[in-house]
C-alpha cells in the first residue's frame, strides 16, 4: 500500500515517500535555545518554534515495485532519492 510518511526512516526501510521536518534542524534550534537560557533568558519568555526546513525523500525501488511512475517534476524537488 503506497503511503507518505513523516520520517525518512520509513522510506529507507522500503516505504514510498516521506515529507517531514529535517531531522537536524530541531537540534540546531535547541542549541540556540540552550545558549539563550545559559545567557540568562527565562525559558518562559522564549518563543515557540516550529520546523523551518522540510525534506522530501522518494524511494524509486518501492515505486517501481507497485508500478508507479514518479513525475520528473517531483523527482526534481526531492532532497533524496533512493534507487
PDB file of N, CA and C in Angstrom:
ATOM      1  N   UNK A   1       0.855  -1.169   0.000  1.00  0.00           N
ATOM      2  CA  UNK A   1       0.000   0.000   0.000  1.00  0.00           C
ATOM      3  C   UNK A   1       0.907   1.241   0.000  1.00  0.00           C
ATOM      4  N   UNK A   2       0.808   2.074  -1.012  1.00  0.00           N
ATOM      5  CA  UNK A   2       1.620   3.294  -1.035  1.00  0.00           C
ATOM      6  C   UNK A   2       1.184   4.265   0.062  1.00  0.00           C
ATOM      7  N   UNK A   3       2.156   4.914   0.662  1.00  0.00           N
ATOM      8  CA  UNK A   3       1.856   5.862   1.733  1.00  0.00           C
ATOM      9  C   UNK A   3       2.920   6.951   1.765  1.00  0.00           C
ATOM     10  N   UNK A   4       2.566   8.076   2.361  1.00  0.00           N
ATOM     11  CA  UNK A   4       3.504   9.170   2.597  1.00  0.00           C
ATOM     12  C   UNK A   4       3.760   9.204   4.098  1.00  0.00           C
ATOM     13  N   UNK A   5       5.040   9.105   4.472  1.00  0.00           N
ATOM     14  CA  UNK A   5       5.426   9.040   5.875  1.00  0.00           C
ATOM     15  C   UNK A   5       5.989  10.373   6.342  1.00  0.00           C
ATOM     16  N   UNK A   6       6.063  10.537   7.652  1.00  0.00           N
ATOM     17  CA  UNK A   6       6.593  11.759   8.245  1.00  0.00           C
ATOM     18  C   UNK A   6       8.114  11.734   8.339  1.00  0.00           C
ATOM     19  N   UNK A   7       8.689  10.556   8.532  1.00  0.00           N
ATOM     20  CA  UNK A   7      10.139  10.445   8.723  1.00  0.00           C
ATOM     21  C   UNK A   7      10.773   9.644   7.592  1.00  0.00           C
ATOM     22  N   UNK A   8      11.972  10.048   7.206  1.00  0.00           N
ATOM     23  CA  UNK A   8      12.666   9.384   6.106  1.00  0.00           C
ATOM     24  C   UNK A   8      13.079   7.957   6.456  1.00  0.00           C
ATOM     25  N   UNK A   9      13.127   7.631   7.742  1.00  0.00           N
ATOM     26  CA  UNK A   9      13.467   6.267   8.152  1.00  0.00           C
ATOM     27  C   UNK A   9      12.570   5.240   7.467  1.00  0.00           C
ATOM     28  N   UNK A  10      11.291   5.541   7.362  1.00  0.00           N
ATOM     29  CA  UNK A  10      10.351   4.595   6.765  1.00  0.00           C
ATOM     30  C   UNK A  10      10.643   4.364   5.288  1.00  0.00           C
ATOM     31  N   UNK A  11      11.119   5.382   4.611  1.00  0.00           N
ATOM     32  CA  UNK A  11      11.426   5.260   3.188  1.00  0.00           C
ATOM     33  C   UNK A  11      12.698   4.441   2.985  1.00  0.00           C
ATOM     34  N   UNK A  12      13.681   4.638   3.836  1.00  0.00           N
ATOM     35  CA  UNK A  12      14.906   3.842   3.710  1.00  0.00           C
ATOM     36  C   UNK A  12      14.642   2.367   4.016  1.00  0.00           C
ATOM     37  N   UNK A  13      13.561   2.091   4.738  1.00  0.00           N
ATOM     38  CA  UNK A  13      13.192   0.712   5.056  1.00  0.00           C
ATOM     39  C   UNK A  13      12.197   0.126   4.053  1.00  0.00           C
ATOM     40  N   UNK A  14      11.893   0.860   2.964  1.00  0.00           N
ATOM     41  CA  UNK A  14      11.027   0.305   1.927  1.00  0.00           C
ATOM     42  C   UNK A  14       9.762   1.083   1.651  1.00  0.00           C
ATOM     43  N   UNK A  15       9.492   2.151   2.392  1.00  0.00           N
ATOM     44  CA  UNK A  15       8.310   2.965   2.143  1.00  0.00           C
ATOM     45  C   UNK A  15       8.442   3.751   0.850  1.00  0.00           C
ATOM     46  N   UNK A  16       7.367   4.355   0.404  1.00  0.00           N
ATOM     47  CA  UNK A  16       7.348   5.051  -0.878  1.00  0.00           C
ATOM     48  C   UNK A  16       7.889   6.471  -0.791  1.00  0.00           C
ATOM     49  N   UNK A  17       7.273   7.315   0.019  1.00  0.00           N
ATOM     50  CA  UNK A  17       7.647   8.735   0.089  1.00  0.00           C
ATOM     51  C   UNK A  17       7.557   9.212   1.540  1.00  0.00           C
ATOM     52  N   UNK A  18       8.466  10.111   1.906  1.00  0.00           N
ATOM     53  CA  UNK A  18       8.327  10.798   3.191  1.00  0.00           C
ATOM     54  C   UNK A  18       8.474  12.293   2.955  1.00  0.00           C
ATOM     55  N   UNK A  19       7.699  13.037   3.699  1.00  0.00           N
ATOM     56  CA  UNK A  19       7.786  14.500   3.674  1.00  0.00           C
ATOM     57  C   UNK A  19       7.587  14.971   5.095  1.00  0.00           C
ATOM     58  N   UNK A  20       8.642  15.512   5.666  1.00  0.00           N
ATOM     59  CA  UNK A  20       8.543  15.947   7.053  1.00  0.00           C
ATOM     60  C   UNK A  20       9.705  16.827   7.439  1.00  0.00           C
ATOM     61  N   UNK A  21       9.723  17.260   8.686  1.00  0.00           N
ATOM     62  CA  UNK A  21      10.785  18.143   9.149  1.00  0.00           C
ATOM     63  C   UNK A  21      12.159  17.507   9.012  1.00  0.00           C
ATOM     64  N   UNK A  22      13.131  18.325   8.664  1.00  0.00           N
ATOM     65  CA  UNK A  22      14.517  17.884   8.594  1.00  0.00           C
ATOM     66  C   UNK A  22      14.931  17.405   9.979  1.00  0.00           C
ATOM     67  N   UNK A  23      15.605  16.278  10.069  1.00  0.00           N
ATOM     68  CA  UNK A  23      15.948  15.709  11.372  1.00  0.00           C
ATOM     69  C   UNK A  23      17.075  16.462  12.091  1.00  0.00           C
ATOM     70  N   UNK A  24      17.846  17.268  11.389  1.00  0.00           N
ATOM     71  CA  UNK A  24      18.956  18.002  12.000  1.00  0.00           C
ATOM     72  C   UNK A  24      18.514  19.387  12.483  1.00  0.00           C
ATOM     73  N   UNK A  25      17.575  19.993  11.809  1.00  0.00           N
ATOM     74  CA  UNK A  25      17.155  21.360  12.110  1.00  0.00           C
ATOM     75  C   UNK A  25      16.680  21.553  13.554  1.00  0.00           C
ATOM     76  N   UNK A  26      15.860  20.675  14.122  1.00  0.00           N
ATOM     77  CA  UNK A  26      15.443  20.878  15.516  1.00  0.00           C
ATOM     78  C   UNK A  26      16.621  20.894  16.500  1.00  0.00           C
ATOM     79  N   UNK A  27      17.665  20.138  16.208  1.00  0.00           N
ATOM     80  CA  UNK A  27      18.845  20.142  17.084  1.00  0.00           C
ATOM     81  C   UNK A  27      19.530  21.495  17.052  1.00  0.00           C
ATOM     82  N   UNK A  28      19.596  22.076  15.878  1.00  0.00           N
ATOM     83  CA  UNK A  28      20.192  23.412  15.762  1.00  0.00           C
ATOM     84  C   UNK A  28      19.369  24.443  16.536  1.00  0.00           C
ATOM     85  N   UNK A  29      18.054  24.347  16.414  1.00  0.00           N
ATOM     86  CA  UNK A  29      17.195  25.279  17.142  1.00  0.00           C
ATOM     87  C   UNK A  29      17.341  25.080  18.646  1.00  0.00           C
ATOM     88  N   UNK A  30      17.439  23.831  19.088  1.00  0.00           N
ATOM     89  CA  UNK A  30      17.591  23.550  20.517  1.00  0.00           C
ATOM     90  C   UNK A  30      18.893  24.137  21.041  1.00  0.00           C
ATOM     91  N   UNK A  31      19.953  24.057  20.264  1.00  0.00           N
ATOM     92  CA  UNK A  31      21.242  24.613  20.692  1.00  0.00           C
ATOM     93  C   UNK A  31      21.124  26.125  20.897  1.00  0.00           C
ATOM     94  N   UNK A  32      20.387  26.784  20.024  1.00  0.00           N
ATOM     95  CA  UNK A  32      20.171  28.226  20.178  1.00  0.00           C
ATOM     96  C   UNK A  32      19.389  28.548  21.447  1.00  0.00           C
ATOM     97  N   UNK A  33      18.415  27.715  21.758  1.00  0.00           N
ATOM     98  CA  UNK A  33      17.632  27.908  22.984  1.00  0.00           C
ATOM     99  C   UNK A  33      18.512  27.724  24.218  1.00  0.00           C
ATOM    100  N   UNK A  34      19.326  26.682  24.229  1.00  0.00           N
ATOM    101  CA  UNK A  34      20.216  26.430  25.364  1.00  0.00           C
ATOM    102  C   UNK A  34      21.146  27.616  25.556  1.00  0.00           C
ATOM    103  N   UNK A  35      21.693  28.122  24.466  1.00  0.00           N
ATOM    104  CA  UNK A  35      22.589  29.280  24.538  1.00  0.00           C
ATOM    105  C   UNK A  35      21.884  30.482  25.169  1.00  0.00           C
ATOM    106  N   UNK A  36      20.651  30.749  24.737  1.00  0.00           N
ATOM    107  CA  UNK A  36      19.915  31.891  25.268  1.00  0.00           C
ATOM    108  C   UNK A  36      19.587  31.710  26.750  1.00  0.00           C
ATOM    109  N   UNK A  37      19.257  30.484  27.150  1.00  0.00           N
ATOM    110  CA  UNK A  37      18.953  30.211  28.556  1.00  0.00           C
ATOM    111  C   UNK A  37      20.207  30.371  29.412  1.00  0.00           C
ATOM    112  N   UNK A  38      21.330  29.870  28.919  1.00  0.00           N
ATOM    113  CA  UNK A  38      22.580  29.997  29.678  1.00  0.00           C
ATOM    114  C   UNK A  38      23.035  31.447  29.795  1.00  0.00           C
ATOM    115  N   UNK A  39      22.590  32.282  28.876  1.00  0.00           N
ATOM    116  CA  UNK A  39      22.929  33.706  28.943  1.00  0.00           C
ATOM    117  C   UNK A  39      21.952  34.490  29.804  1.00  0.00           C
ATOM    118  N   UNK A  40      20.958  33.797  30.406  1.00  0.00           N
ATOM    119  CA  UNK A  40      20.091  34.446  31.375  1.00  0.00           C
ATOM    120  C   UNK A  40      18.648  34.649  30.977  1.00  0.00           C
ATOM    121  N   UNK A  41      18.253  34.294  29.771  1.00  0.00           N
ATOM    122  CA  UNK A  41      16.840  34.464  29.393  1.00  0.00           C
ATOM    123  C   UNK A  41      15.988  33.417  30.096  1.00  0.00           C
ATOM    124  N   UNK A  42      14.774  33.808  30.417  1.00  0.00           N
ATOM    125  CA  UNK A  42      13.839  32.882  31.050  1.00  0.00           C
ATOM    126  C   UNK A  42      13.242  31.982  29.967  1.00  0.00           C
ATOM    127  N   UNK A  43      13.195  30.686  30.217  1.00  0.00           N
ATOM    128  CA  UNK A  43      12.597  29.779  29.222  1.00  0.00           C
ATOM    129  C   UNK A  43      11.162  30.150  28.856  1.00  0.00           C
ATOM    130  N   UNK A  44      10.411  30.682  29.807  1.00  0.00           N
ATOM    131  CA  UNK A  44       9.026  31.058  29.538  1.00  0.00           C
ATOM    132  C   UNK A  44       8.928  32.229  28.563  1.00  0.00           C
ATOM    133  N   UNK A  45      10.000  33.016  28.443  1.00  0.00           N
ATOM    134  CA  UNK A  45       9.983  34.165  27.537  1.00  0.00           C
ATOM    135  C   UNK A  45      10.415  33.820  26.114  1.00  0.00           C
ATOM    136  N   UNK A  46      10.905  32.618  25.911  1.00  0.00           N
ATOM    137  CA  UNK A  46      11.351  32.219  24.579  1.00  0.00           C
ATOM    138  C   UNK A  46      10.147  31.844  23.711  1.00  0.00           C
ATOM    139  N   UNK A  47      10.181  32.204  22.440  1.00  0.00           N
ATOM    140  CA  UNK A  47       9.047  31.893  21.564  1.00  0.00           C
ATOM    141  C   UNK A  47       9.007  30.402  21.209  1.00  0.00           C
ATOM    142  N   UNK A  48       7.821  29.934  20.931  1.00  0.00           N
ATOM    143  CA  UNK A  48       7.655  28.564  20.452  1.00  0.00           C
ATOM    144  C   UNK A  48       8.081  28.534  18.991  1.00  0.00           C
ATOM    145  N   UNK A  49       8.885  27.564  18.638  1.00  0.00           N
ATOM    146  CA  UNK A  49       9.347  27.462  17.255  1.00  0.00           C
ATOM    147  C   UNK A  49       8.871  26.161  16.643  1.00  0.00           C
ATOM    148  N   UNK A  50       8.687  26.215  15.342  1.00  0.00           N
ATOM    149  CA  UNK A  50       8.340  25.003  14.605  1.00  0.00           C
ATOM    150  C   UNK A  50       9.407  24.773  13.543  1.00  0.00           C
ATOM    151  N   UNK A  51       9.309  23.668  12.880  1.00  0.00           N
ATOM    152  CA  UNK A  51      10.289  23.332  11.851  1.00  0.00           C
ATOM    153  C   UNK A  51      10.295  24.390  10.752  1.00  0.00           C
ATOM    154  N   UNK A  52      11.481  24.681  10.270  1.00  0.00           N
ATOM    155  CA  UNK A  52      11.618  25.665   9.190  1.00  0.00           C
ATOM    156  C   UNK A  52      12.080  25.020   7.897  1.00  0.00           C
ATOM    157  N   UNK A  53      12.578  23.794   7.999  1.00  0.00           N
ATOM    158  CA  UNK A  53      13.057  23.092   6.817  1.00  0.00           C
ATOM    159  C   UNK A  53      12.419  21.711   6.768  1.00  0.00           C
ATOM    160  N   UNK A  54      11.875  21.366   5.627  1.00  0.00           N
ATOM    161  CA  UNK A  54      11.264  20.061   5.421  1.00  0.00           C
ATOM    162  C   UNK A  54      12.020  19.334   4.318  1.00  0.00           C
ATOM    163  N   UNK A  55      12.023  18.001   4.403  1.00  0.00           N
ATOM    164  CA  UNK A  55      12.720  17.228   3.380  1.00  0.00           C
ATOM    165  C   UNK A  55      11.774  16.219   2.732  1.00  0.00           C
ATOM    166  N   UNK A  56      11.982  16.038   1.434  1.00  0.00           N
ATOM    167  CA  UNK A  56      11.204  15.094   0.641  1.00  0.00           C
ATOM    168  C   UNK A  56      12.134  13.967   0.214  1.00  0.00           C
ATOM    169  N   UNK A  57      11.768  12.723   0.575  1.00  0.00           N
ATOM    170  CA  UNK A  57      12.561  11.556   0.219  1.00  0.00           C
ATOM    171  C   UNK A  57      11.667  10.605  -0.562  1.00  0.00           C
ATOM    172  N   UNK A  58      12.174  10.121  -1.695  1.00  0.00           N
ATOM    173  CA  UNK A  58      11.398   9.242  -2.569  1.00  0.00           C
ATOM    174  C   UNK A  58      12.167   7.940  -2.776  1.00  0.00           C
ATOM    175  N   UNK A  59      11.472   6.825  -2.655  1.00  0.00           N
ATOM    176  CA  UNK A  59      12.052   5.511  -2.884  1.00  0.00           C
ATOM    177  C   UNK A  59      11.577   5.016  -4.251  1.00  0.00           C
ATOM    178  N   UNK A  60      12.448   5.113  -5.258  1.00  0.00           N
ATOM    179  CA  UNK A  60      12.082   4.696  -6.615  1.00  0.00           C
ATOM    180  C   UNK A  60      11.941   3.182  -6.731  1.00  0.00           C
ATOM    181  N   UNK A  61      12.669   2.453  -5.905  1.00  0.00           N
ATOM    182  CA  UNK A  61      12.556   0.994  -5.922  1.00  0.00           C
ATOM    183  C   UNK A  61      11.147   0.573  -5.487  1.00  0.00           C
ATOM    184  N   UNK A  62      10.631   1.213  -4.456  1.00  0.00           N
ATOM    185  CA  UNK A  62       9.270   0.908  -3.990  1.00  0.00           C
ATOM    186  C   UNK A  62       8.241   1.331  -5.029  1.00  0.00           C
ATOM    187  N   UNK A  63       8.471   2.483  -5.668  1.00  0.00           N
ATOM    188  CA  UNK A  63       7.544   2.952  -6.701  1.00  0.00           C
ATOM    189  C   UNK A  63       7.489   1.963  -7.863  1.00  0.00           C
ATOM    190  N   UNK A  64       8.639   1.469  -8.271  1.00  0.00           N
ATOM    191  CA  UNK A  64       8.690   0.507  -9.373  1.00  0.00           C
ATOM    192  C   UNK A  64       7.988  -0.791  -8.987  1.00  0.00           C
ATOM    193  N   UNK A  65       8.151  -1.220  -7.738  1.00  0.00           N
ATOM    194  CA  UNK A  65       7.546  -2.468  -7.271  1.00  0.00           C
ATOM    195  C   UNK A  65       6.022  -2.438  -7.330  1.00  0.00           C
ATOM    196  N   UNK A  66       5.428  -1.261  -7.188  1.00  0.00           N
ATOM    197  CA  UNK A  66       3.960  -1.164  -7.243  1.00  0.00           C
ATOM    198  C   UNK A  66       3.475  -0.614  -8.586  1.00  0.00           C
ATOM    199  N   UNK A  67       4.411  -0.434  -9.533  1.00  0.00           N
ATOM    200  CA  UNK A  67       4.032   0.027 -10.868  1.00  0.00           C
ATOM    201  C   UNK A  67       3.713   1.503 -10.951  1.00  0.00           C
ATOM    202  N   UNK A  68       4.311   2.298 -10.082  1.00  0.00           N
ATOM    203  CA  UNK A  68       4.052   3.739 -10.045  1.00  0.00           C
ATOM    204  C   UNK A  68       5.181   4.499 -10.736  1.00  0.00           C
ATOM    205  N   UNK A  69       4.831   5.412 -11.611  1.00  0.00           N
ATOM    206  CA  UNK A  69       5.815   6.271 -12.253  1.00  0.00           C
ATOM    207  C   UNK A  69       5.802   7.614 -11.537  1.00  0.00           C
ATOM    208  N   UNK A  70       6.942   8.001 -10.996  1.00  0.00           N
ATOM    209  CA  UNK A  70       7.051   9.267 -10.274  1.00  0.00           C
ATOM    210  C   UNK A  70       7.376  10.361 -11.294  1.00  0.00           C
ATOM    211  N   UNK A  71       6.578  11.433 -11.330  1.00  0.00           N
ATOM    212  CA  UNK A  71       6.815  12.502 -12.300  1.00  0.00           C
ATOM    213  C   UNK A  71       8.189  13.158 -12.102  1.00  0.00           C
ATOM    214  N   UNK A  72       8.851  13.525 -13.203  1.00  0.00           N
ATOM    215  CA  UNK A  72      10.154  14.184 -13.102  1.00  0.00           C
ATOM    216  C   UNK A  72      10.119  15.461 -12.262  1.00  0.00           C
ATOM    217  N   UNK A  73       9.018  16.189 -12.302  1.00  0.00           N
ATOM    218  CA  UNK A  73       8.923  17.419 -11.512  1.00  0.00           C
ATOM    219  C   UNK A  73       9.001  17.129 -10.013  1.00  0.00           C
ATOM    220  N   UNK A  74       8.473  15.986  -9.583  1.00  0.00           N
ATOM    221  CA  UNK A  74       8.546  15.600  -8.179  1.00  0.00           C
ATOM    222  C   UNK A  74       9.952  15.117  -7.828  1.00  0.00           C
ATOM    223  N   UNK A  75      10.564  14.382  -8.742  1.00  0.00           N
ATOM    224  CA  UNK A  75      11.941  13.923  -8.527  1.00  0.00           C
ATOM    225  C   UNK A  75      12.897  15.109  -8.421  1.00  0.00           C
ATOM    226  N   UNK A  76      12.644  16.139  -9.199  1.00  0.00           N
ATOM    227  CA  UNK A  76      13.494  17.335  -9.178  1.00  0.00           C
ATOM    228  C   UNK A  76      13.448  18.026  -7.818  1.00  0.00           C
ATOM    229  N   UNK A  77      12.297  17.991  -7.166  1.00  0.00           N
ATOM    230  CA  UNK A  77      12.122  18.666  -5.874  1.00  0.00           C
ATOM    231  C   UNK A  77      12.592  17.834  -4.687  1.00  0.00           C
ATOM    232  N   UNK A  78      12.861  16.557  -4.898  1.00  0.00           N
ATOM    233  CA  UNK A  78      13.246  15.664  -3.798  1.00  0.00           C
ATOM    234  C   UNK A  78      14.609  16.025  -3.251  1.00  0.00           C
ATOM    235  N   UNK A  79      14.738  15.935  -1.933  1.00  0.00           N
ATOM    236  CA  UNK A  79      16.019  16.144  -1.269  1.00  0.00           C
ATOM    237  C   UNK A  79      16.885  14.895  -1.348  1.00  0.00           C
ATOM    238  N   UNK A  80      16.222  13.741  -1.404  1.00  0.00           N
ATOM    239  CA  UNK A  80      16.954  12.477  -1.500  1.00  0.00           C
ATOM    240  C   UNK A  80      16.117  11.494  -2.312  1.00  0.00           C
ATOM    241  N   UNK A  81      16.792  10.739  -3.183  1.00  0.00           N
ATOM    242  CA  UNK A  81      16.121   9.710  -3.986  1.00  0.00           C
ATOM    243  C   UNK A  81      16.830   8.395  -3.716  1.00  0.00           C
ATOM    244  N   UNK A  82      16.060   7.395  -3.343  1.00  0.00           N
ATOM    245  CA  UNK A  82      16.609   6.072  -3.085  1.00  0.00           C
ATOM    246  C   UNK A  82      16.281   5.206  -4.301  1.00  0.00           C
ATOM    247  N   UNK A  83      17.330   4.625  -4.894  1.00  0.00           N
ATOM    248  CA  UNK A  83      17.123   3.834  -6.111  1.00  0.00           C
ATOM    249  C   UNK A  83      17.272   2.367  -5.874  1.00  0.00           C
TER     250      UNK A  83
END
